[in-house]
Amino acid sequence: MSRTRSTLRRAGVVTALAAASVLTAAGIASAHVTVHPDGYAKGATDGVLSFRVPDEEDTAATTKVQVFLPTDHPVLGVLVSPRDGWTPKVTTTKLKTPVKTDDGTITDAVSEVTWTGGRVGPGQYEDFDIAFGQLPEDTGKLTFKTLQTYSDGKVVRWIEEAAQDGQEPENPAPVLKLTAAGTDTQAASPTGSASDAGRTAAPSGATASASDSTARGLGIAGLVVGVLGLAAAAFAVVRGRSRTGG
């Protein structure tokens, strides 16, 4: 009987460790600010970017979010979606290099959107949406540096870019990948409507990011380890009883 309890206790430890690895992996993957979808076609028109801001503090709420839009490769025709409890402020900047479009030459573009007045509580998240008229065609990615301010005065600067070796920094900035039209099924058509863009980009938003996929993979691996541990314990119990009965 004591051998049986010891075996089951070891199996319980294995299962607990597996469950802990699942929760840890999921927490790491969802802790930083991200943009959804994470990919569009170059020059895409009439789409929406959603910046997901999680609150990862235990006692402080998120009270201010600042998203900085690049002006070297500007996003044109920016509109801010209303958000209950939050007051947006849009800042425009004169472009060093004006952008020529079918509707004329654009000399100014939005460089920052700031939301204040609301609260994102611990363990919660909020999506802040920005609609755009057109994305640039002359770059492969857009980096949106973001500042997150908490009620206790702490400011988290999500401004770091990935290293050349691909390793993710501690405080990564949200990055939108831009691909040639027709080469990425997750990117919106540059000539489609807003509804077309949403349908095309949905798979990217659903998966969130490569780090989320990694977390799911680690979670599955952890569960497999737990199941194998329980199976091994059950086999040991049955084998021990068989020997005792023999």
C-alpha atoms as a PDB file:
ATOM      1  CA  MET A   1       0.000   0.000   0.000  1.00  0.00           C
ATOM      2  CA  SER A   2       2.832   2.426   0.892  1.00  0.00           C
ATOM      3  CA  ARG A   3       4.495   1.672  -2.468  1.00  0.00           C
ATOM      4  CA  THR A   4       1.233   2.494  -4.238  1.00  0.00           C
ATOM      5  CA  ARG A   5       0.874   5.812  -2.417  1.00  0.00           C
ATOM      6  CA  SER A   6       4.484   6.721  -3.202  1.00  0.00           C
ATOM      7  CA  THR A   7       4.025   5.932  -6.892  1.00  0.00           C
ATOM      8  CA  LEU A   8       0.827   7.968  -7.124  1.00  0.00           C
ATOM      9  CA  ARG A   9       2.502  10.830  -5.265  1.00  0.00           C
ATOM     10  CA  ARG A  10       5.317  10.914  -7.828  1.00  0.00           C
ATOM     11  CA  ALA A  11       2.752  10.898 -10.638  1.00  0.00           C
ATOM     12  CA  GLY A  12       0.947  13.822  -9.003  1.00  0.00           C
ATOM     13  CA  VAL A  13       4.182  15.809  -8.880  1.00  0.00           C
ATOM     14  CA  VAL A  14       4.792  15.159 -12.585  1.00  0.00           C
ATOM     15  CA  THR A  15       1.251  16.264 -13.444  1.00  0.00           C
ATOM     16  CA  ALA A  16       1.550  19.414 -11.313  1.00  0.00           C
ATOM     17  CA  LEU A  17       4.815  20.358 -12.994  1.00  0.00           C
ATOM     18  CA  ALA A  18       3.244  19.818 -16.408  1.00  0.00           C
ATOM     19  CA  ALA A  19       0.303  22.045 -15.518  1.00  0.00           C
ATOM     20  CA  ALA A  20       2.652  24.728 -14.196  1.00  0.00           C
ATOM     21  CA  SER A  21       4.590  24.707 -17.458  1.00  0.00           C
ATOM     22  CA  VAL A  22       1.361  25.241 -19.392  1.00  0.00           C
ATOM     23  CA  LEU A  23       0.362  28.261 -17.287  1.00  0.00           C
ATOM     24  CA  THR A  24       3.852  29.761 -17.358  1.00  0.00           C
ATOM     25  CA  ALA A  25       4.144  29.444 -21.137  1.00  0.00           C
ATOM     26  CA  ALA A  26       0.733  31.006 -21.677  1.00  0.00           C
ATOM     27  CA  GLY A  27       1.563  33.903 -19.338  1.00  0.00           C
ATOM     28  CA  ILE A  28       4.828  34.690 -21.117  1.00  0.00           C
ATOM     29  CA  ALA A  29       3.174  34.635 -24.536  1.00  0.00           C
ATOM     30  CA  SER A  30       0.347  37.018 -23.658  1.00  0.00           C
ATOM     31  CA  ALA A  31       2.172  39.490 -21.413  1.00  0.00           C
ATOM     32  CA  HIS A  32       3.281  42.093 -23.950  1.00  0.00           C
ATOM     33  CA  VAL A  33       1.399  44.594 -26.134  1.00  0.00           C
ATOM     34  CA  THR A  34       0.609  43.189 -29.581  1.00  0.00           C
ATOM     35  CA  VAL A  35      -1.045  44.346 -32.810  1.00  0.00           C
ATOM     36  CA  HIS A  36      -3.768  42.320 -34.528  1.00  0.00           C
ATOM     37  CA  PRO A  37      -3.753  41.166 -37.197  1.00  0.00           C
ATOM     38  CA  ASP A  38       0.018  40.873 -37.289  1.00  0.00           C
ATOM     39  CA  GLY A  39       0.194  41.014 -41.116  1.00  0.00           C
ATOM     40  CA  TYR A  40      -1.258  42.987 -44.042  1.00  0.00           C
ATOM     41  CA  ALA A  41      -0.390  43.393 -47.703  1.00  0.00           C
ATOM     42  CA  LYS A  42       1.743  46.349 -48.718  1.00  0.00           C
ATOM     43  CA  GLY A  43      -0.464  49.259 -49.696  1.00  0.00           C
ATOM     44  CA  ALA A  44      -3.558  47.673 -48.100  1.00  0.00           C
ATOM     45  CA  THR A  45      -6.532  50.037 -47.847  1.00  0.00           C
ATOM     46  CA  ASP A  46      -9.508  50.469 -45.507  1.00  0.00           C
ATOM     47  CA  GLY A  47      -8.400  48.189 -42.692  1.00  0.00           C
ATOM     48  CA  VAL A  48      -8.235  48.128 -38.901  1.00  0.00           C
ATOM     49  CA  LEU A  49      -5.333  47.646 -36.502  1.00  0.00           C
ATOM     50  CA  SER A  50      -6.161  46.509 -32.972  1.00  0.00           C
ATOM     51  CA  PHE A  51      -3.580  47.045 -30.236  1.00  0.00           C
ATOM     52  CA  ARG A  52      -4.099  44.551 -27.407  1.00  0.00           C
ATOM     53  CA  VAL A  53      -2.891  45.887 -24.056  1.00  0.00           C
ATOM     54  CA  PRO A  54      -2.819  43.423 -21.129  1.00  0.00           C
ATOM     55  CA  ASP A  55      -2.409  44.517 -17.515  1.00  0.00           C
ATOM     56  CA  GLU A  56       0.317  42.384 -15.954  1.00  0.00           C
ATOM     57  CA  GLU A  57       0.563  44.141 -12.588  1.00  0.00           C
ATOM     58  CA  ASP A  58      -0.884  42.563  -9.434  1.00  0.00           C
ATOM     59  CA  THR A  59      -2.313  45.707  -7.835  1.00  0.00           C
ATOM     60  CA  ALA A  60      -2.114  48.554 -10.390  1.00  0.00           C
ATOM     61  CA  ALA A  61      -4.441  49.317 -13.303  1.00  0.00           C
ATOM     62  CA  THR A  62      -3.455  50.566 -16.758  1.00  0.00           C
ATOM     63  CA  THR A  63      -4.620  54.191 -17.061  1.00  0.00           C
ATOM     64  CA  LYS A  64      -2.843  55.491 -20.179  1.00  0.00           C
ATOM     65  CA  VAL A  65      -1.802  53.984 -23.505  1.00  0.00           C
ATOM     66  CA  GLN A  66       0.334  55.781 -26.092  1.00  0.00           C
ATOM     67  CA  VAL A  67       0.849  54.261 -29.548  1.00  0.00           C
ATOM     68  CA  PHE A  68       3.443  55.925 -31.797  1.00  0.00           C
ATOM     69  CA  LEU A  69       2.967  55.523 -35.543  1.00  0.00           C
ATOM     70  CA  PRO A  70       6.031  55.621 -37.815  1.00  0.00           C
ATOM     71  CA  THR A  71       6.378  58.749 -39.955  1.00  0.00           C
ATOM     72  CA  ASP A  72       9.209  57.528 -42.182  1.00  0.00           C
ATOM     73  CA  HIS A  73       6.669  55.060 -43.622  1.00  0.00           C
ATOM     74  CA  PRO A  74       3.412  56.780 -42.654  1.00  0.00           C
ATOM     75  CA  VAL A  75       0.004  55.206 -42.178  1.00  0.00           C
ATOM     76  CA  LEU A  76      -2.499  57.359 -44.057  1.00  0.00           C
ATOM     77  CA  GLY A  77      -6.103  58.206 -43.252  1.00  0.00           C
ATOM     78  CA  VAL A  78      -5.996  57.220 -39.573  1.00  0.00           C
ATOM     79  CA  LEU A  79      -9.276  57.226 -37.628  1.00  0.00           C
ATOM     80  CA  VAL A  80      -9.664  56.279 -33.948  1.00  0.00           C
ATOM     81  CA  SER A  81     -12.497  53.999 -32.855  1.00  0.00           C
ATOM     82  CA  PRO A  82     -14.453  55.203 -29.775  1.00  0.00           C
ATOM     83  CA  ARG A  83     -13.766  53.206 -26.632  1.00  0.00           C
ATOM     84  CA  ASP A  84     -16.071  53.373 -23.613  1.00  0.00           C
ATOM     85  CA  GLY A  85     -14.433  55.193 -20.722  1.00  0.00           C
ATOM     86  CA  TRP A  86     -11.390  56.250 -22.745  1.00  0.00           C
ATOM     87  CA  THR A  87     -10.616  59.635 -24.304  1.00  0.00           C
ATOM     88  CA  PRO A  88      -8.364  59.490 -27.389  1.00  0.00           C
ATOM     89  CA  LYS A  89      -5.983  62.239 -28.448  1.00  0.00           C
ATOM     90  CA  VAL A  90      -4.576  62.205 -31.982  1.00  0.00           C
ATOM     91  CA  THR A  91      -1.288  63.959 -32.798  1.00  0.00           C
ATOM     92  CA  THR A  92      -0.263  64.718 -36.390  1.00  0.00           C
ATOM     93  CA  THR A  93       3.203  65.495 -37.729  1.00  0.00           C
ATOM     94  CA  LYS A  94       4.413  67.141 -40.931  1.00  0.00           C
ATOM     95  CA  LEU A  95       6.124  64.526 -43.072  1.00  0.00           C
ATOM     96  CA  LYS A  96       9.741  65.006 -44.131  1.00  0.00           C
ATOM     97  CA  THR A  97       8.859  63.328 -47.411  1.00  0.00           C
ATOM     98  CA  PRO A  98       5.290  63.989 -48.644  1.00  0.00           C
ATOM     99  CA  VAL A  99       3.379  60.998 -49.998  1.00  0.00           C
ATOM    100  CA  LYS A 100       1.733  61.192 -53.429  1.00  0.00           C
ATOM    101  CA  THR A 101      -1.645  59.450 -53.727  1.00  0.00           C
ATOM    102  CA  ASP A 102      -4.467  59.337 -56.256  1.00  0.00           C
ATOM    103  CA  ASP A 103      -6.255  61.948 -54.164  1.00  0.00           C
ATOM    104  CA  GLY A 104      -3.291  64.324 -54.036  1.00  0.00           C
ATOM    105  CA  THR A 105      -0.107  64.839 -52.039  1.00  0.00           C
ATOM    106  CA  ILE A 106      -0.199  64.085 -48.309  1.00  0.00           C
ATOM    107  CA  THR A 107       2.028  66.356 -46.204  1.00  0.00           C
ATOM    108  CA  ASP A 108       0.817  65.426 -42.685  1.00  0.00           C
ATOM    109  CA  ALA A 109       0.158  62.090 -40.969  1.00  0.00           C
ATOM    110  CA  VAL A 110      -0.806  60.812 -37.538  1.00  0.00           C
ATOM    111  CA  SER A 111       2.277  60.165 -35.416  1.00  0.00           C
ATOM    112  CA  GLU A 112       0.697  59.339 -32.036  1.00  0.00           C
ATOM    113  CA  VAL A 113      -2.596  58.232 -30.538  1.00  0.00           C
ATOM    114  CA  THR A 114      -3.025  58.474 -26.749  1.00  0.00           C
ATOM    115  CA  TRP A 115      -5.896  57.010 -24.733  1.00  0.00           C
ATOM    116  CA  THR A 116      -6.588  58.221 -21.180  1.00  0.00           C
ATOM    117  CA  GLY A 117      -9.431  58.192 -18.662  1.00  0.00           C
ATOM    118  CA  GLY A 118     -10.168  54.467 -18.618  1.00  0.00           C
ATOM    119  CA  ARG A 119      -8.813  51.564 -16.616  1.00  0.00           C
ATOM    120  CA  VAL A 120      -7.573  48.078 -17.464  1.00  0.00           C
ATOM    121  CA  GLY A 121      -7.547  46.053 -14.261  1.00  0.00           C
ATOM    122  CA  PRO A 122      -5.008  43.422 -13.188  1.00  0.00           C
ATOM    123  CA  GLY A 123      -5.437  40.210 -15.159  1.00  0.00           C
ATOM    124  CA  GLN A 124      -7.492  41.995 -17.843  1.00  0.00           C
ATOM    125  CA  TYR A 125      -6.789  43.418 -21.297  1.00  0.00           C
ATOM    126  CA  GLU A 126      -8.235  46.064 -23.614  1.00  0.00           C
ATOM    127  CA  ASP A 127      -8.199  46.337 -27.413  1.00  0.00           C
ATOM    128  CA  PHE A 128      -7.552  49.832 -28.828  1.00  0.00           C
ATOM    129  CA  ASP A 129      -8.563  50.093 -32.490  1.00  0.00           C
ATOM    130  CA  ILE A 130      -7.204  52.328 -35.244  1.00  0.00           C
ATOM    131  CA  ALA A 131      -8.711  52.372 -38.739  1.00  0.00           C
ATOM    132  CA  PHE A 132      -6.473  53.309 -41.654  1.00  0.00           C
ATOM    133  CA  GLY A 133      -7.005  54.461 -45.218  1.00  0.00           C
ATOM    134  CA  GLN A 134      -3.787  53.076 -46.659  1.00  0.00           C
ATOM    135  CA  LEU A 135      -0.617  51.337 -45.513  1.00  0.00           C
ATOM    136  CA  PRO A 136       2.789  52.130 -47.052  1.00  0.00           C
ATOM    137  CA  GLU A 137       4.124  50.133 -49.990  1.00  0.00           C
ATOM    138  CA  ASP A 138       7.853  50.758 -49.508  1.00  0.00           C
ATOM    139  CA  THR A 139       8.645  48.721 -46.381  1.00  0.00           C
ATOM    140  CA  GLY A 140       8.336  45.162 -45.098  1.00  0.00           C
ATOM    141  CA  LYS A 141       7.192  46.002 -41.581  1.00  0.00           C
ATOM    142  CA  LEU A 142       5.837  48.743 -39.360  1.00  0.00           C
ATOM    143  CA  THR A 143       6.943  49.122 -35.741  1.00  0.00           C
ATOM    144  CA  PHE A 144       4.495  50.780 -33.348  1.00  0.00           C
ATOM    145  CA  LYS A 145       6.370  51.789 -30.203  1.00  0.00           C
ATOM    146  CA  THR A 146       3.969  51.867 -27.254  1.00  0.00           C
ATOM    147  CA  LEU A 147       4.030  53.276 -23.712  1.00  0.00           C
ATOM    148  CA  GLN A 148       1.803  51.761 -21.017  1.00  0.00           C
ATOM    149  CA  THR A 149       1.244  53.799 -17.833  1.00  0.00           C
ATOM    150  CA  TYR A 150      -0.074  52.264 -14.612  1.00  0.00           C
ATOM    151  CA  SER A 151      -2.054  53.843 -11.782  1.00  0.00           C
ATOM    152  CA  ASP A 152       0.980  53.632  -9.478  1.00  0.00           C
ATOM    153  CA  GLY A 153       3.062  55.739 -11.893  1.00  0.00           C
ATOM    154  CA  LYS A 154       5.000  52.878 -13.468  1.00  0.00           C
ATOM    155  CA  VAL A 155       5.596  53.238 -17.215  1.00  0.00           C
ATOM    156  CA  VAL A 156       6.405  50.199 -19.352  1.00  0.00           C
ATOM    157  CA  ARG A 157       8.104  51.117 -22.628  1.00  0.00           C
ATOM    158  CA  TRP A 158       7.225  48.597 -25.344  1.00  0.00           C
ATOM    159  CA  ILE A 159       9.785  50.009 -27.771  1.00  0.00           C
ATOM    160  CA  GLU A 160      12.448  47.343 -28.330  1.00  0.00           C
ATOM    161  CA  GLU A 161      12.906  45.680 -31.707  1.00  0.00           C
ATOM    162  CA  ALA A 162      13.928  42.069 -32.247  1.00  0.00           C
ATOM    163  CA  ALA A 163      17.633  41.341 -32.593  1.00  0.00           C
ATOM    164  CA  GLN A 164      19.111  40.133 -35.871  1.00  0.00           C
ATOM    165  CA  ASP A 165      19.216  36.586 -34.523  1.00  0.00           C
ATOM    166  CA  GLY A 166      15.424  36.735 -34.129  1.00  0.00           C
ATOM    167  CA  GLN A 167      15.445  36.568 -30.338  1.00  0.00           C
ATOM    168  CA  GLU A 168      12.580  38.516 -28.767  1.00  0.00           C
ATOM    169  CA  PRO A 169      13.587  41.395 -26.474  1.00  0.00           C
ATOM    170  CA  GLU A 170      12.226  41.893 -22.963  1.00  0.00           C
ATOM    171  CA  ASN A 171       9.878  44.730 -23.946  1.00  0.00           C
ATOM    172  CA  PRO A 172       9.108  44.197 -27.643  1.00  0.00           C
ATOM    173  CA  ALA A 173       7.271  46.821 -29.666  1.00  0.00           C
ATOM    174  CA  PRO A 174       4.207  45.693 -31.636  1.00  0.00           C
ATOM    175  CA  VAL A 175       5.251  44.890 -35.225  1.00  0.00           C
ATOM    176  CA  LEU A 176       3.006  44.648 -38.298  1.00  0.00           C
ATOM    177  CA  LYS A 177       4.447  42.570 -41.151  1.00  0.00           C
ATOM    178  CA  LEU A 178       3.819  43.883 -44.670  1.00  0.00           C
ATOM    179  CA  THR A 179       3.989  41.435 -47.556  1.00  0.00           C
ATOM    180  CA  ALA A 180       3.624  41.617 -51.321  1.00  0.00           C
ATOM    181  CA  ALA A 181       0.016  41.265 -52.460  1.00  0.00           C
ATOM    182  CA  GLY A 182      -0.929  37.621 -53.022  1.00  0.00           C
ATOM    183  CA  THR A 183       2.048  36.134 -51.148  1.00  0.00           C
ATOM    184  CA  ASP A 184       0.499  35.961 -47.677  1.00  0.00           C
ATOM    185  CA  THR A 185      -2.976  34.544 -47.124  1.00  0.00           C
ATOM    186  CA  GLN A 186      -3.120  36.336 -43.776  1.00  0.00           C
ATOM    187  CA  ALA A 187      -2.585  39.767 -45.320  1.00  0.00           C
ATOM    188  CA  ALA A 188      -5.414  41.939 -46.554  1.00  0.00           C
ATOM    189  CA  SER A 189      -5.884  42.731 -50.230  1.00  0.00           C
ATOM    190  CA  PRO A 190      -4.549  46.209 -51.061  1.00  0.00           C
ATOM    191  CA  THR A 191      -7.616  46.919 -53.203  1.00  0.00           C
ATOM    192  CA  GLY A 192     -10.254  45.277 -51.000  1.00  0.00           C
ATOM    193  CA  SER A 193     -12.829  46.897 -48.780  1.00  0.00           C
ATOM    194  CA  ALA A 194     -12.651  47.060 -44.999  1.00  0.00           C
ATOM    195  CA  SER A 195     -14.820  43.958 -44.743  1.00  0.00           C
ATOM    196  CA  ASP A 196     -12.588  42.120 -47.193  1.00  0.00           C
ATOM    197  CA  ALA A 197      -9.545  43.130 -45.163  1.00  0.00           C
ATOM    198  CA  GLY A 198     -11.135  41.833 -41.988  1.00  0.00           C
ATOM    199  CA  ARG A 199     -12.003  38.477 -43.541  1.00  0.00           C
ATOM    200  CA  THR A 200      -8.542  38.041 -45.005  1.00  0.00           C
ATOM    201  CA  ALA A 201      -6.704  39.049 -41.872  1.00  0.00           C
ATOM    202  CA  ALA A 202      -8.831  37.065 -39.440  1.00  0.00           C
ATOM    203  CA  PRO A 203      -6.530  33.995 -39.266  1.00  0.00           C
ATOM    204  CA  SER A 204      -3.633  36.213 -38.234  1.00  0.00           C
ATOM    205  CA  GLY A 205      -5.601  37.872 -35.458  1.00  0.00           C
ATOM    206  CA  ALA A 206      -6.951  34.534 -34.258  1.00  0.00           C
ATOM    207  CA  THR A 207      -3.485  33.054 -33.840  1.00  0.00           C
ATOM    208  CA  ALA A 208      -2.237  36.357 -32.364  1.00  0.00           C
ATOM    209  CA  SER A 209       1.503  35.737 -32.865  1.00  0.00           C
ATOM    210  CA  ALA A 210       4.233  33.150 -33.236  1.00  0.00           C
ATOM    211  CA  SER A 211       4.850  33.326 -29.495  1.00  0.00           C
ATOM    212  CA  ASP A 212       1.243  32.280 -28.872  1.00  0.00           C
ATOM    213  CA  SER A 213       1.779  29.232 -31.096  1.00  0.00           C
ATOM    214  CA  THR A 214       4.902  28.415 -29.129  1.00  0.00           C
ATOM    215  CA  ALA A 215       2.928  28.617 -25.898  1.00  0.00           C
ATOM    216  CA  ARG A 216       0.298  26.243 -27.219  1.00  0.00           C
ATOM    217  CA  GLY A 217       2.998  23.819 -28.323  1.00  0.00           C
ATOM    218  CA  LEU A 218       4.605  23.919 -24.905  1.00  0.00           C
ATOM    219  CA  GLY A 219       1.196  23.460 -23.302  1.00  0.00           C
ATOM    220  CA  ILE A 220       0.458  20.357 -25.343  1.00  0.00           C
ATOM    221  CA  ALA A 221       3.894  18.972 -24.555  1.00  0.00           C
ATOM    222  CA  GLY A 222       3.297  19.566 -20.859  1.00  0.00           C
ATOM    223  CA  LEU A 223      -0.029  17.767 -20.938  1.00  0.00           C
ATOM    224  CA  VAL A 224       1.526  14.839 -22.780  1.00  0.00           C
ATOM    225  CA  VAL A 225       4.186  14.585 -20.077  1.00  0.00           C
ATOM    226  CA  GLY A 226       1.473  14.585 -17.422  1.00  0.00           C
ATOM    227  CA  VAL A 227      -0.538  11.870 -19.149  1.00  0.00           C
ATOM    228  CA  LEU A 228       2.562   9.730 -19.594  1.00  0.00           C
ATOM    229  CA  GLY A 229       3.376  10.186 -15.909  1.00  0.00           C
ATOM    230  CA  LEU A 230      -0.073   9.016 -14.848  1.00  0.00           C
ATOM    231  CA  ALA A 231       0.076   6.081 -17.250  1.00  0.00           C
ATOM    232  CA  ALA A 232       3.433   5.039 -15.843  1.00  0.00           C
ATOM    233  CA  ALA A 233       2.056   5.265 -12.299  1.00  0.00           C
ATOM    234  CA  ALA A 234      -0.966   3.156 -13.161  1.00  0.00           C
ATOM    235  CA  PHE A 235       1.241   0.529 -14.810  1.00  0.00           C
ATOM    236  CA  ALA A 236       3.490   0.398 -11.746  1.00  0.00           C
ATOM    237  CA  VAL A 237       0.490  -0.068  -9.453  1.00  0.00           C
ATOM    238  CA  VAL A 238      -0.964  -2.884 -11.566  1.00  0.00           C
ATOM    239  CA  ARG A 239       2.427  -4.555 -11.860  1.00  0.00           C
ATOM    240  CA  GLY A 240       3.021  -4.345  -8.098  1.00  0.00           C
ATOM    241  CA  ARG A 241      -0.353  -5.869  -7.316  1.00  0.00           C
ATOM    242  CA  SER A 242       0.299  -8.633  -9.844  1.00  0.00           C
ATOM    243  CA  ARG A 243       3.583  -9.521  -8.180  1.00  0.00           C
ATOM    244  CA  THR A 244       1.965  -9.503  -4.730  1.00  0.00           C
ATOM    245  CA  GLY A 245      -0.866 -11.748  -5.912  1.00  0.00           C
ATOM    246  CA  GLY A 246       1.617 -14.125  -7.549  1.00  0.00           C
END
